[in-house]
């Protein structure tokens, strides 16, 4: 029997949500998941046990802008070295036949050193957080990451595009919806046009929450605002703000919404795209990945100051055409490695 270790990056919740989609697709509830931070709570809410092994560094975000990126990069490097120690102990103890890693490159480094078959799930092939001296360090880190990607048995990228070498581009990977939209709206008591505001798995979404609440008040339309504040935001934003807090079924909530407003993390964007819900996506300023994600959809950080117009324009839009879910393709590709076919 194949023993699988699934390492999930705990930086944000996007990795955990798409990993759950893959785990569900493969029926891998018996595999061992290693992660940390809020991802552990998320898996537990979905009745899947995960080992709380990693403590990731926090982004320093003020008024929606990423600050001290060089300091964060250095913190990330130290975190990566610590994760290598932790993952090596776990891998030595568990002796897996296969390692699947969603952007936890520490475990991939150990797997490749030990000659263990490995699958990488990633959105990016290089980072662009810093300039100047920091960029030199970052370039070296990128080269190391790219070498790991080249050596992996399979690389799954949840984006559109052509496959190449060992890279398979599956399109967005999200959880499958099992209920009808009107049924979910009934359960959630969504009676009016409903805007769902997602703040993400960290405190970076506070600025977006405040700006959105102000914009909704100014609009004055007969719409409901539902906040999903996530696991680390405990502020009270007003008596009339319905806050669902930290939920296990955000995918259903996004499907049921008429409009979703969120930071430009890939997971929420992908859910919006696959389920056909119109969205407004505001990137954290100076966060290269979120800025790239938002740009593809026609948004940028400055749009946070124009939410009044954007909400008015989008709240009555028809739902978009639903897109194919890449979870099916990801499942097929992982099974090829599981059963010894198409190894790189």
C-alpha atoms as a PDB file:
ATOM      1  CA  UNK A   1       0.000   0.000   0.000  1.00  0.00           C
ATOM      2  CA  UNK A   2       1.354   3.428  -0.965  1.00  0.00           C
ATOM      3  CA  UNK A   3       2.056   5.676   2.008  1.00  0.00           C
ATOM      4  CA  UNK A   4       1.528   9.347   1.139  1.00  0.00           C
ATOM      5  CA  UNK A   5       2.626  12.459   3.017  1.00  0.00           C
ATOM      6  CA  UNK A   6       0.868  15.662   1.934  1.00  0.00           C
ATOM      7  CA  UNK A   7       2.724  18.852   2.916  1.00  0.00           C
ATOM      8  CA  UNK A   8       0.553  21.989   2.693  1.00  0.00           C
ATOM      9  CA  UNK A   9       2.005  25.507   2.996  1.00  0.00           C
ATOM     10  CA  UNK A  10       0.317  27.282   5.918  1.00  0.00           C
ATOM     11  CA  UNK A  11       0.920  30.772   4.486  1.00  0.00           C
ATOM     12  CA  UNK A  12      -2.670  31.877   3.823  1.00  0.00           C
ATOM     13  CA  UNK A  13      -5.589  29.461   3.457  1.00  0.00           C
ATOM     14  CA  UNK A  14      -5.568  29.126  -0.328  1.00  0.00           C
ATOM     15  CA  UNK A  15      -3.216  26.147  -0.295  1.00  0.00           C
ATOM     16  CA  UNK A  16      -5.392  24.259   2.186  1.00  0.00           C
ATOM     17  CA  UNK A  17      -8.618  24.855   0.253  1.00  0.00           C
ATOM     18  CA  UNK A  18      -7.265  23.578  -3.062  1.00  0.00           C
ATOM     19  CA  UNK A  19      -5.489  20.703  -1.322  1.00  0.00           C
ATOM     20  CA  UNK A  20      -8.797  19.663   0.209  1.00  0.00           C
ATOM     21  CA  UNK A  21     -10.285  19.676  -3.317  1.00  0.00           C
ATOM     22  CA  UNK A  22      -7.510  17.299  -4.448  1.00  0.00           C
ATOM     23  CA  UNK A  23      -7.800  15.093  -1.350  1.00  0.00           C
ATOM     24  CA  UNK A  24     -11.557  14.814  -1.896  1.00  0.00           C
ATOM     25  CA  UNK A  25     -11.029  14.047  -5.579  1.00  0.00           C
ATOM     26  CA  UNK A  26      -8.581  11.232  -4.797  1.00  0.00           C
ATOM     27  CA  UNK A  27     -10.373   9.938  -1.710  1.00  0.00           C
ATOM     28  CA  UNK A  28      -7.120  10.328   0.241  1.00  0.00           C
ATOM     29  CA  UNK A  29      -8.603  10.816   3.701  1.00  0.00           C
ATOM     30  CA  UNK A  30      -6.119   8.305   5.090  1.00  0.00           C
ATOM     31  CA  UNK A  31      -3.048  10.248   3.921  1.00  0.00           C
ATOM     32  CA  UNK A  32      -1.089  12.247   6.490  1.00  0.00           C
ATOM     33  CA  UNK A  33      -1.289  16.034   6.081  1.00  0.00           C
ATOM     34  CA  UNK A  34       1.434  18.292   7.493  1.00  0.00           C
ATOM     35  CA  UNK A  35       0.810  22.024   7.756  1.00  0.00           C
ATOM     36  CA  UNK A  36       0.371  24.717  10.403  1.00  0.00           C
ATOM     37  CA  UNK A  37      -1.407  27.883  11.531  1.00  0.00           C
ATOM     38  CA  UNK A  38      -5.036  28.363  10.396  1.00  0.00           C
ATOM     39  CA  UNK A  39      -4.767  25.565   7.828  1.00  0.00           C
ATOM     40  CA  UNK A  40      -4.953  23.075  10.717  1.00  0.00           C
ATOM     41  CA  UNK A  41      -8.271  24.546  11.897  1.00  0.00           C
ATOM     42  CA  UNK A  42      -9.554  24.504   8.314  1.00  0.00           C
ATOM     43  CA  UNK A  43      -8.778  20.816   7.804  1.00  0.00           C
ATOM     44  CA  UNK A  44     -10.256  19.942  11.190  1.00  0.00           C
ATOM     45  CA  UNK A  45     -13.453  21.846  10.348  1.00  0.00           C
ATOM     46  CA  UNK A  46     -13.681  19.587   7.305  1.00  0.00           C
ATOM     47  CA  UNK A  47     -13.165  16.439   9.398  1.00  0.00           C
ATOM     48  CA  UNK A  48      -9.620  15.785   8.182  1.00  0.00           C
ATOM     49  CA  UNK A  49      -6.770  15.422  10.645  1.00  0.00           C
ATOM     50  CA  UNK A  50      -3.590  17.398  10.000  1.00  0.00           C
ATOM     51  CA  UNK A  51      -0.287  17.593  11.868  1.00  0.00           C
ATOM     52  CA  UNK A  52       0.436  21.087  13.235  1.00  0.00           C
ATOM     53  CA  UNK A  53       4.155  21.247  12.456  1.00  0.00           C
ATOM     54  CA  UNK A  54       4.884  24.649  10.880  1.00  0.00           C
ATOM     55  CA  UNK A  55       4.753  28.216  12.222  1.00  0.00           C
ATOM     56  CA  UNK A  56       4.951  30.596   9.229  1.00  0.00           C
ATOM     57  CA  UNK A  57       6.202  34.213   9.390  1.00  0.00           C
ATOM     58  CA  UNK A  58       3.612  36.970   9.087  1.00  0.00           C
ATOM     59  CA  UNK A  59       3.430  39.557   6.344  1.00  0.00           C
ATOM     60  CA  UNK A  60       3.661  43.129   7.630  1.00  0.00           C
ATOM     61  CA  UNK A  61       0.671  44.852   5.999  1.00  0.00           C
ATOM     62  CA  UNK A  62      -0.461  48.402   6.790  1.00  0.00           C
ATOM     63  CA  UNK A  63      -3.459  50.034   5.075  1.00  0.00           C
ATOM     64  CA  UNK A  64      -3.444  47.319   2.441  1.00  0.00           C
ATOM     65  CA  UNK A  65       0.274  47.673   1.592  1.00  0.00           C
ATOM     66  CA  UNK A  66       3.011  45.094   2.105  1.00  0.00           C
ATOM     67  CA  UNK A  67       5.855  46.624   4.116  1.00  0.00           C
ATOM     68  CA  UNK A  68       9.432  45.558   4.931  1.00  0.00           C
ATOM     69  CA  UNK A  69       9.542  42.928   2.178  1.00  0.00           C
ATOM     70  CA  UNK A  70      13.293  42.322   2.649  1.00  0.00           C
ATOM     71  CA  UNK A  71      12.765  41.584   6.334  1.00  0.00           C
ATOM     72  CA  UNK A  72       9.938  39.216   5.421  1.00  0.00           C
ATOM     73  CA  UNK A  73      12.138  37.455   2.844  1.00  0.00           C
ATOM     74  CA  UNK A  74      14.804  36.888   5.490  1.00  0.00           C
ATOM     75  CA  UNK A  75      12.136  35.574   7.895  1.00  0.00           C
ATOM     76  CA  UNK A  76      10.877  33.269   5.160  1.00  0.00           C
ATOM     77  CA  UNK A  77      14.397  31.940   4.518  1.00  0.00           C
ATOM     78  CA  UNK A  78      14.829  31.087   8.215  1.00  0.00           C
ATOM     79  CA  UNK A  79      11.352  29.531   8.207  1.00  0.00           C
ATOM     80  CA  UNK A  80      12.304  27.412   5.163  1.00  0.00           C
ATOM     81  CA  UNK A  81      15.467  26.128   6.914  1.00  0.00           C
ATOM     82  CA  UNK A  82      13.431  25.232  10.005  1.00  0.00           C
ATOM     83  CA  UNK A  83      10.812  23.480   7.861  1.00  0.00           C
ATOM     84  CA  UNK A  84      13.552  21.375   6.266  1.00  0.00           C
ATOM     85  CA  UNK A  85      14.564  20.129   9.714  1.00  0.00           C
ATOM     86  CA  UNK A  86      10.960  19.413  10.673  1.00  0.00           C
ATOM     87  CA  UNK A  87      10.018  17.717   7.401  1.00  0.00           C
ATOM     88  CA  UNK A  88      13.190  15.606   7.449  1.00  0.00           C
ATOM     89  CA  UNK A  89      12.296  14.231  10.886  1.00  0.00           C
ATOM     90  CA  UNK A  90       8.734  13.483   9.754  1.00  0.00           C
ATOM     91  CA  UNK A  91       9.854  11.847   6.497  1.00  0.00           C
ATOM     92  CA  UNK A  92      12.506   9.755   8.282  1.00  0.00           C
ATOM     93  CA  UNK A  93       9.891   8.585  10.763  1.00  0.00           C
ATOM     94  CA  UNK A  94       7.031   7.949   8.316  1.00  0.00           C
ATOM     95  CA  UNK A  95       9.076   6.517   5.392  1.00  0.00           C
ATOM     96  CA  UNK A  96       6.529   7.537   2.699  1.00  0.00           C
ATOM     97  CA  UNK A  97       6.408   6.148  -0.854  1.00  0.00           C
ATOM     98  CA  UNK A  98       5.179   9.483  -2.222  1.00  0.00           C
ATOM     99  CA  UNK A  99       5.332  13.126  -1.111  1.00  0.00           C
ATOM    100  CA  UNK A 100       2.845  15.694  -2.402  1.00  0.00           C
ATOM    101  CA  UNK A 101       3.698  19.300  -1.585  1.00  0.00           C
ATOM    102  CA  UNK A 102       1.667  22.451  -2.120  1.00  0.00           C
ATOM    103  CA  UNK A 103       4.401  25.122  -2.119  1.00  0.00           C
ATOM    104  CA  UNK A 104       6.199  23.587   0.847  1.00  0.00           C
ATOM    105  CA  UNK A 105       9.550  23.367  -0.917  1.00  0.00           C
ATOM    106  CA  UNK A 106      11.337  22.287   2.257  1.00  0.00           C
ATOM    107  CA  UNK A 107       9.691  18.853   2.101  1.00  0.00           C
ATOM    108  CA  UNK A 108      10.413  18.616  -1.650  1.00  0.00           C
ATOM    109  CA  UNK A 109      14.106  19.311  -0.989  1.00  0.00           C
ATOM    110  CA  UNK A 110      14.176  16.417   1.507  1.00  0.00           C
ATOM    111  CA  UNK A 111      12.207  14.104  -0.809  1.00  0.00           C
ATOM    112  CA  UNK A 112      14.546  14.732  -3.730  1.00  0.00           C
ATOM    113  CA  UNK A 113      17.632  14.278  -1.566  1.00  0.00           C
ATOM    114  CA  UNK A 114      16.270  10.900  -0.445  1.00  0.00           C
ATOM    115  CA  UNK A 115      15.056   9.857  -3.908  1.00  0.00           C
ATOM    116  CA  UNK A 116      11.390   9.694  -2.859  1.00  0.00           C
ATOM    117  CA  UNK A 117       8.853  10.267  -5.681  1.00  0.00           C
ATOM    118  CA  UNK A 118       7.406  13.773  -5.298  1.00  0.00           C
ATOM    119  CA  UNK A 119       4.658  15.954  -6.735  1.00  0.00           C
ATOM    120  CA  UNK A 120       4.727  19.762  -6.515  1.00  0.00           C
ATOM    121  CA  UNK A 121       1.565  21.884  -6.572  1.00  0.00           C
ATOM    122  CA  UNK A 122       2.361  25.556  -7.158  1.00  0.00           C
ATOM    123  CA  UNK A 123       1.008  28.798  -8.625  1.00  0.00           C
ATOM    124  CA  UNK A 124       4.389  30.351  -9.264  1.00  0.00           C
ATOM    125  CA  UNK A 125       7.799  29.532 -10.687  1.00  0.00           C
ATOM    126  CA  UNK A 126       9.525  32.602  -9.238  1.00  0.00           C
ATOM    127  CA  UNK A 127       8.912  35.251  -6.588  1.00  0.00           C
ATOM    128  CA  UNK A 128       9.354  39.027  -6.989  1.00  0.00           C
ATOM    129  CA  UNK A 129       9.046  40.505  -3.517  1.00  0.00           C
ATOM    130  CA  UNK A 130      12.215  42.611  -3.330  1.00  0.00           C
ATOM    131  CA  UNK A 131      14.438  45.078  -5.190  1.00  0.00           C
ATOM    132  CA  UNK A 132      18.125  46.002  -4.897  1.00  0.00           C
ATOM    133  CA  UNK A 133      20.257  43.832  -2.620  1.00  0.00           C
ATOM    134  CA  UNK A 134      17.251  41.758  -1.579  1.00  0.00           C
ATOM    135  CA  UNK A 135      16.610  40.839  -5.209  1.00  0.00           C
ATOM    136  CA  UNK A 136      20.044  39.148  -5.391  1.00  0.00           C
ATOM    137  CA  UNK A 137      19.139  36.887  -2.470  1.00  0.00           C
ATOM    138  CA  UNK A 138      15.678  36.290  -3.886  1.00  0.00           C
ATOM    139  CA  UNK A 139      17.143  35.360  -7.280  1.00  0.00           C
ATOM    140  CA  UNK A 140      19.238  32.631  -5.651  1.00  0.00           C
ATOM    141  CA  UNK A 141      16.195  31.329  -3.772  1.00  0.00           C
ATOM    142  CA  UNK A 142      14.231  31.296  -7.038  1.00  0.00           C
ATOM    143  CA  UNK A 143      16.958  29.298  -8.770  1.00  0.00           C
ATOM    144  CA  UNK A 144      16.853  26.689  -6.003  1.00  0.00           C
ATOM    145  CA  UNK A 145      13.062  26.493  -6.280  1.00  0.00           C
ATOM    146  CA  UNK A 146      13.204  26.149 -10.080  1.00  0.00           C
ATOM    147  CA  UNK A 147      15.717  23.301  -9.840  1.00  0.00           C
ATOM    148  CA  UNK A 148      13.353  21.472  -7.482  1.00  0.00           C
ATOM    149  CA  UNK A 149      10.498  22.016  -9.920  1.00  0.00           C
ATOM    150  CA  UNK A 150      12.593  20.560 -12.753  1.00  0.00           C
ATOM    151  CA  UNK A 151      13.463  17.465 -10.699  1.00  0.00           C
ATOM    152  CA  UNK A 152       9.907  16.764  -9.490  1.00  0.00           C
ATOM    153  CA  UNK A 153       8.077  13.739 -10.863  1.00  0.00           C
ATOM    154  CA  UNK A 154       5.125  15.988 -11.628  1.00  0.00           C
ATOM    155  CA  UNK A 155       4.317  19.681 -11.228  1.00  0.00           C
ATOM    156  CA  UNK A 156       0.667  20.674 -11.058  1.00  0.00           C
ATOM    157  CA  UNK A 157      -0.064  24.342 -11.780  1.00  0.00           C
ATOM    158  CA  UNK A 158      -3.699  25.424 -11.262  1.00  0.00           C
ATOM    159  CA  UNK A 159      -3.665  27.867 -14.170  1.00  0.00           C
ATOM    160  CA  UNK A 160      -4.525  27.890 -17.871  1.00  0.00           C
ATOM    161  CA  UNK A 161      -1.914  27.223 -20.535  1.00  0.00           C
ATOM    162  CA  UNK A 162       0.055  24.518 -22.271  1.00  0.00           C
ATOM    163  CA  UNK A 163       1.722  21.587 -20.528  1.00  0.00           C
ATOM    164  CA  UNK A 164       5.502  21.393 -20.801  1.00  0.00           C
ATOM    165  CA  UNK A 165       8.049  18.805 -19.672  1.00  0.00           C
ATOM    166  CA  UNK A 166       6.864  17.674 -16.203  1.00  0.00           C
ATOM    167  CA  UNK A 167       4.472  20.634 -15.736  1.00  0.00           C
ATOM    168  CA  UNK A 168       0.724  20.066 -16.108  1.00  0.00           C
ATOM    169  CA  UNK A 169      -1.509  23.140 -16.186  1.00  0.00           C
ATOM    170  CA  UNK A 170      -4.892  21.991 -14.929  1.00  0.00           C
ATOM    171  CA  UNK A 171      -6.834  25.244 -14.709  1.00  0.00           C
ATOM    172  CA  UNK A 172      -8.346  26.354 -11.363  1.00  0.00           C
ATOM    173  CA  UNK A 173      -8.555  23.647  -8.682  1.00  0.00           C
ATOM    174  CA  UNK A 174     -11.507  24.139  -6.339  1.00  0.00           C
ATOM    175  CA  UNK A 175     -13.883  22.033  -4.272  1.00  0.00           C
ATOM    176  CA  UNK A 176     -16.915  20.590  -6.006  1.00  0.00           C
ATOM    177  CA  UNK A 177     -20.357  21.931  -5.120  1.00  0.00           C
ATOM    178  CA  UNK A 178     -22.801  19.223  -4.064  1.00  0.00           C
ATOM    179  CA  UNK A 179     -25.926  21.380  -3.617  1.00  0.00           C
ATOM    180  CA  UNK A 180     -28.037  23.611  -5.840  1.00  0.00           C
ATOM    181  CA  UNK A 181     -27.397  27.335  -5.545  1.00  0.00           C
ATOM    182  CA  UNK A 182     -30.919  28.191  -4.371  1.00  0.00           C
ATOM    183  CA  UNK A 183     -30.684  25.495  -1.703  1.00  0.00           C
ATOM    184  CA  UNK A 184     -27.474  27.038  -0.363  1.00  0.00           C
ATOM    185  CA  UNK A 185     -28.998  30.527  -0.450  1.00  0.00           C
ATOM    186  CA  UNK A 186     -31.937  29.219   1.576  1.00  0.00           C
ATOM    187  CA  UNK A 187     -29.669  27.605   4.179  1.00  0.00           C
ATOM    188  CA  UNK A 188     -27.618  30.831   4.448  1.00  0.00           C
ATOM    189  CA  UNK A 189     -30.737  33.037   4.474  1.00  0.00           C
ATOM    190  CA  UNK A 190     -29.558  35.032   1.429  1.00  0.00           C
ATOM    191  CA  UNK A 191     -32.810  36.767   0.439  1.00  0.00           C
ATOM    192  CA  UNK A 192     -31.647  39.999  -1.222  1.00  0.00           C
ATOM    193  CA  UNK A 193     -28.838  40.704  -3.635  1.00  0.00           C
ATOM    194  CA  UNK A 194     -25.886  39.545  -1.552  1.00  0.00           C
ATOM    195  CA  UNK A 195     -22.297  40.778  -1.480  1.00  0.00           C
ATOM    196  CA  UNK A 196     -19.897  38.366   0.207  1.00  0.00           C
ATOM    197  CA  UNK A 197     -16.734  40.009   1.518  1.00  0.00           C
ATOM    198  CA  UNK A 198     -13.811  37.625   2.124  1.00  0.00           C
ATOM    199  CA  UNK A 199     -10.977  38.881   4.291  1.00  0.00           C
ATOM    200  CA  UNK A 200      -8.673  35.882   3.873  1.00  0.00           C
ATOM    201  CA  UNK A 201      -6.807  33.764   6.389  1.00  0.00           C
ATOM    202  CA  UNK A 202      -4.732  36.622   7.856  1.00  0.00           C
ATOM    203  CA  UNK A 203      -5.132  40.168   9.183  1.00  0.00           C
ATOM    204  CA  UNK A 204      -4.215  41.636   5.784  1.00  0.00           C
ATOM    205  CA  UNK A 205      -7.909  41.982   4.929  1.00  0.00           C
ATOM    206  CA  UNK A 206      -8.855  44.520   7.636  1.00  0.00           C
ATOM    207  CA  UNK A 207      -8.305  47.533   5.381  1.00  0.00           C
ATOM    208  CA  UNK A 208     -10.470  45.990   2.669  1.00  0.00           C
ATOM    209  CA  UNK A 209     -13.247  45.284   5.182  1.00  0.00           C
ATOM    210  CA  UNK A 210     -13.383  48.898   6.364  1.00  0.00           C
ATOM    211  CA  UNK A 211     -13.317  50.315   2.827  1.00  0.00           C
ATOM    212  CA  UNK A 212     -16.065  47.937   1.668  1.00  0.00           C
ATOM    213  CA  UNK A 213     -18.358  48.699   4.607  1.00  0.00           C
ATOM    214  CA  UNK A 214     -17.975  52.437   3.936  1.00  0.00           C
ATOM    215  CA  UNK A 215     -18.726  51.938   0.224  1.00  0.00           C
ATOM    216  CA  UNK A 216     -21.861  49.842   0.902  1.00  0.00           C
ATOM    217  CA  UNK A 217     -23.188  52.516   3.290  1.00  0.00           C
ATOM    218  CA  UNK A 218     -22.729  55.219   0.644  1.00  0.00           C
ATOM    219  CA  UNK A 219     -24.403  53.212  -2.123  1.00  0.00           C
ATOM    220  CA  UNK A 220     -27.677  52.888  -0.261  1.00  0.00           C
ATOM    221  CA  UNK A 221     -28.971  50.052  -2.436  1.00  0.00           C
ATOM    222  CA  UNK A 222     -31.155  47.305  -0.993  1.00  0.00           C
ATOM    223  CA  UNK A 223     -28.362  44.742  -0.732  1.00  0.00           C
ATOM    224  CA  UNK A 224     -26.984  42.551   2.053  1.00  0.00           C
ATOM    225  CA  UNK A 225     -23.320  42.522   2.982  1.00  0.00           C
ATOM    226  CA  UNK A 226     -22.059  39.248   4.456  1.00  0.00           C
ATOM    227  CA  UNK A 227     -18.552  39.221   5.895  1.00  0.00           C
ATOM    228  CA  UNK A 228     -16.372  36.119   6.113  1.00  0.00           C
ATOM    229  CA  UNK A 229     -13.624  37.508   8.331  1.00  0.00           C
ATOM    230  CA  UNK A 230     -11.488  34.372   8.571  1.00  0.00           C
ATOM    231  CA  UNK A 231      -9.621  32.897  11.540  1.00  0.00           C
ATOM    232  CA  UNK A 232      -7.490  35.830  12.688  1.00  0.00           C
ATOM    233  CA  UNK A 233      -9.758  38.880  12.545  1.00  0.00           C
ATOM    234  CA  UNK A 234     -11.801  39.266  15.710  1.00  0.00           C
ATOM    235  CA  UNK A 235     -12.739  42.961  15.387  1.00  0.00           C
ATOM    236  CA  UNK A 236     -16.355  44.052  15.624  1.00  0.00           C
ATOM    237  CA  UNK A 237     -17.289  46.049  12.530  1.00  0.00           C
ATOM    238  CA  UNK A 238     -20.772  47.171  13.553  1.00  0.00           C
ATOM    239  CA  UNK A 239     -24.018  45.706  14.887  1.00  0.00           C
ATOM    240  CA  UNK A 240     -25.578  45.457  11.449  1.00  0.00           C
ATOM    241  CA  UNK A 241     -22.672  43.619   9.820  1.00  0.00           C
ATOM    242  CA  UNK A 242     -23.372  39.927   9.498  1.00  0.00           C
ATOM    243  CA  UNK A 243     -20.039  38.207  10.116  1.00  0.00           C
ATOM    244  CA  UNK A 244     -19.809  34.458   9.515  1.00  0.00           C
ATOM    245  CA  UNK A 245     -16.253  34.411  10.923  1.00  0.00           C
ATOM    246  CA  UNK A 246     -14.171  31.381   9.985  1.00  0.00           C
ATOM    247  CA  UNK A 247     -16.126  28.885   7.881  1.00  0.00           C
ATOM    248  CA  UNK A 248     -15.386  25.481   6.399  1.00  0.00           C
ATOM    249  CA  UNK A 249     -17.618  25.999   3.342  1.00  0.00           C
ATOM    250  CA  UNK A 250     -16.508  29.304   1.822  1.00  0.00           C
ATOM    251  CA  UNK A 251     -16.797  27.725  -1.631  1.00  0.00           C
ATOM    252  CA  UNK A 252     -20.553  27.281  -1.145  1.00  0.00           C
ATOM    253  CA  UNK A 253     -20.906  30.831   0.170  1.00  0.00           C
ATOM    254  CA  UNK A 254     -19.091  32.228  -2.881  1.00  0.00           C
ATOM    255  CA  UNK A 255     -21.307  30.146  -5.184  1.00  0.00           C
ATOM    256  CA  UNK A 256     -24.433  31.452  -3.434  1.00  0.00           C
ATOM    257  CA  UNK A 257     -23.343  35.116  -3.542  1.00  0.00           C
ATOM    258  CA  UNK A 258     -24.316  37.624  -6.234  1.00  0.00           C
ATOM    259  CA  UNK A 259     -20.958  39.380  -5.913  1.00  0.00           C
ATOM    260  CA  UNK A 260     -17.750  38.486  -4.076  1.00  0.00           C
ATOM    261  CA  UNK A 261     -15.213  41.075  -2.887  1.00  0.00           C
ATOM    262  CA  UNK A 262     -11.858  39.765  -1.771  1.00  0.00           C
ATOM    263  CA  UNK A 263      -8.132  40.220  -1.618  1.00  0.00           C
ATOM    264  CA  UNK A 264      -6.581  38.873  -4.817  1.00  0.00           C
ATOM    265  CA  UNK A 265      -5.521  35.484  -3.497  1.00  0.00           C
ATOM    266  CA  UNK A 266      -5.682  32.781  -6.135  1.00  0.00           C
ATOM    267  CA  UNK A 267      -7.980  30.425  -4.241  1.00  0.00           C
ATOM    268  CA  UNK A 268     -10.911  32.845  -3.910  1.00  0.00           C
ATOM    269  CA  UNK A 269     -10.450  34.084  -7.482  1.00  0.00           C
ATOM    270  CA  UNK A 270     -10.492  30.499  -8.745  1.00  0.00           C
ATOM    271  CA  UNK A 271     -13.671  29.703  -6.823  1.00  0.00           C
ATOM    272  CA  UNK A 272     -15.345  32.814  -8.227  1.00  0.00           C
ATOM    273  CA  UNK A 273     -14.269  31.886 -11.771  1.00  0.00           C
ATOM    274  CA  UNK A 274     -15.273  28.210 -11.615  1.00  0.00           C
ATOM    275  CA  UNK A 275     -18.637  28.876  -9.935  1.00  0.00           C
ATOM    276  CA  UNK A 276     -19.481  31.853 -12.161  1.00  0.00           C
ATOM    277  CA  UNK A 277     -19.880  34.470  -9.394  1.00  0.00           C
ATOM    278  CA  UNK A 278     -18.846  38.021 -10.422  1.00  0.00           C
ATOM    279  CA  UNK A 279     -16.001  39.349  -8.293  1.00  0.00           C
ATOM    280  CA  UNK A 280     -13.965  42.412  -7.324  1.00  0.00           C
ATOM    281  CA  UNK A 281     -10.405  41.503  -6.346  1.00  0.00           C
ATOM    282  CA  UNK A 282      -8.117  43.996  -4.609  1.00  0.00           C
ATOM    283  CA  UNK A 283      -4.441  43.030  -4.293  1.00  0.00           C
ATOM    284  CA  UNK A 284      -2.232  43.784  -1.319  1.00  0.00           C
ATOM    285  CA  UNK A 285      -0.007  46.557  -2.670  1.00  0.00           C
ATOM    286  CA  UNK A 286       3.574  45.399  -3.382  1.00  0.00           C
ATOM    287  CA  UNK A 287       2.535  41.745  -3.132  1.00  0.00           C
ATOM    288  CA  UNK A 288       3.653  40.650  -6.600  1.00  0.00           C
ATOM    289  CA  UNK A 289       1.502  37.501  -6.781  1.00  0.00           C
ATOM    290  CA  UNK A 290      -1.732  39.237  -5.761  1.00  0.00           C
ATOM    291  CA  UNK A 291      -0.982  42.179  -8.056  1.00  0.00           C
ATOM    292  CA  UNK A 292      -0.470  39.781 -10.984  1.00  0.00           C
ATOM    293  CA  UNK A 293      -3.684  37.897 -10.138  1.00  0.00           C
ATOM    294  CA  UNK A 294      -5.691  41.129  -9.956  1.00  0.00           C
ATOM    295  CA  UNK A 295      -4.187  42.542 -13.146  1.00  0.00           C
ATOM    296  CA  UNK A 296      -5.359  39.506 -15.125  1.00  0.00           C
ATOM    297  CA  UNK A 297      -8.916  40.366 -14.122  1.00  0.00           C
ATOM    298  CA  UNK A 298      -8.568  44.124 -14.669  1.00  0.00           C
ATOM    299  CA  UNK A 299      -8.118  45.241 -11.046  1.00  0.00           C
ATOM    300  CA  UNK A 300      -5.362  47.000  -9.094  1.00  0.00           C
ATOM    301  CA  UNK A 301      -4.789  48.277  -5.563  1.00  0.00           C
ATOM    302  CA  UNK A 302      -6.173  51.763  -6.327  1.00  0.00           C
ATOM    303  CA  UNK A 303      -9.592  50.185  -6.967  1.00  0.00           C
ATOM    304  CA  UNK A 304     -10.003  49.934  -3.205  1.00  0.00           C
ATOM    305  CA  UNK A 305     -10.809  53.669  -3.289  1.00  0.00           C
ATOM    306  CA  UNK A 306     -13.443  53.180  -6.027  1.00  0.00           C
ATOM    307  CA  UNK A 307     -15.445  50.349  -4.469  1.00  0.00           C
ATOM    308  CA  UNK A 308     -18.642  52.394  -4.478  1.00  0.00           C
ATOM    309  CA  UNK A 309     -18.672  52.497  -8.300  1.00  0.00           C
ATOM    310  CA  UNK A 310     -17.366  48.956  -8.745  1.00  0.00           C
ATOM    311  CA  UNK A 311     -20.045  47.470  -6.481  1.00  0.00           C
ATOM    312  CA  UNK A 312     -22.782  49.449  -8.225  1.00  0.00           C
ATOM    313  CA  UNK A 313     -21.559  48.253 -11.640  1.00  0.00           C
ATOM    314  CA  UNK A 314     -21.205  44.595 -10.659  1.00  0.00           C
ATOM    315  CA  UNK A 315     -24.009  43.804  -8.200  1.00  0.00           C
ATOM    316  CA  UNK A 316     -26.644  43.352 -10.897  1.00  0.00           C
ATOM    317  CA  UNK A 317     -24.433  41.646 -13.466  1.00  0.00           C
ATOM    318  CA  UNK A 318     -25.516  38.268 -14.795  1.00  0.00           C
ATOM    319  CA  UNK A 319     -23.570  35.353 -13.435  1.00  0.00           C
ATOM    320  CA  UNK A 320     -20.538  34.429 -15.482  1.00  0.00           C
ATOM    321  CA  UNK A 321     -20.320  31.163 -17.368  1.00  0.00           C
ATOM    322  CA  UNK A 322     -18.957  28.471 -15.059  1.00  0.00           C
ATOM    323  CA  UNK A 323     -15.466  27.214 -15.899  1.00  0.00           C
ATOM    324  CA  UNK A 324     -14.052  23.698 -15.790  1.00  0.00           C
ATOM    325  CA  UNK A 325     -12.730  22.536 -12.418  1.00  0.00           C
ATOM    326  CA  UNK A 326      -9.091  21.431 -12.631  1.00  0.00           C
ATOM    327  CA  UNK A 327      -9.503  19.040  -9.689  1.00  0.00           C
ATOM    328  CA  UNK A 328     -10.386  16.258 -12.145  1.00  0.00           C
ATOM    329  CA  UNK A 329      -7.187  16.694 -14.183  1.00  0.00           C
ATOM    330  CA  UNK A 330      -5.064  17.034 -11.022  1.00  0.00           C
ATOM    331  CA  UNK A 331      -6.528  13.767  -9.745  1.00  0.00           C
ATOM    332  CA  UNK A 332      -5.693  11.948 -12.990  1.00  0.00           C
ATOM    333  CA  UNK A 333      -2.104  13.243 -12.999  1.00  0.00           C
ATOM    334  CA  UNK A 334      -1.480  12.298  -9.371  1.00  0.00           C
ATOM    335  CA  UNK A 335      -2.878   8.815  -9.986  1.00  0.00           C
ATOM    336  CA  UNK A 336      -0.370   8.351 -12.815  1.00  0.00           C
ATOM    337  CA  UNK A 337       2.435   8.829 -10.294  1.00  0.00           C
ATOM    338  CA  UNK A 338       0.652   6.750  -7.640  1.00  0.00           C
ATOM    339  CA  UNK A 339       0.395   3.801 -10.001  1.00  0.00           C
ATOM    340  CA  UNK A 340       3.872   4.195 -11.436  1.00  0.00           C
ATOM    341  CA  UNK A 341       3.006   5.617 -14.846  1.00  0.00           C
ATOM    342  CA  UNK A 342       4.531   8.616 -16.589  1.00  0.00           C
ATOM    343  CA  UNK A 343       7.255   9.194 -13.983  1.00  0.00           C
ATOM    344  CA  UNK A 344       9.616  12.056 -14.843  1.00  0.00           C
END
